[in-house]
Amino acid sequence: MNDINIGKTFYILARRRGQEEAEYFLNVILPTLPITNIGNTLQEVIEAAKIKAKYSISYSDCFTVATARKEKATIITGDPDFKLV
């Protein structure tokens, strides 16, 4: 999971459930999940920007696509925006 997407998950939880629950997810739940945290190099940021320039999806979703391509991973989502890519 890309750092940007972890940030997105955090802010959505903070808005919907409060800061305390978002912190709990980040510090207690996330470390127990079978998810690898992936940071961003400048090259990866530019790759996400290229995706954003080509497709009408959110910038954070562009990081999801760029990370999945790099890691040869499958994106599991119900978000219809990913069908565009």
Foldseek 3Di string as FASTA:
>chain_A
DEPLVLVVQLVVCCVPPNNVVSVCCVPPVVVVDPDDYDYDDPVLLVQLVVVVVVAVDDSSVSSVVSVCVVVVHDDDDPDPSVVRD
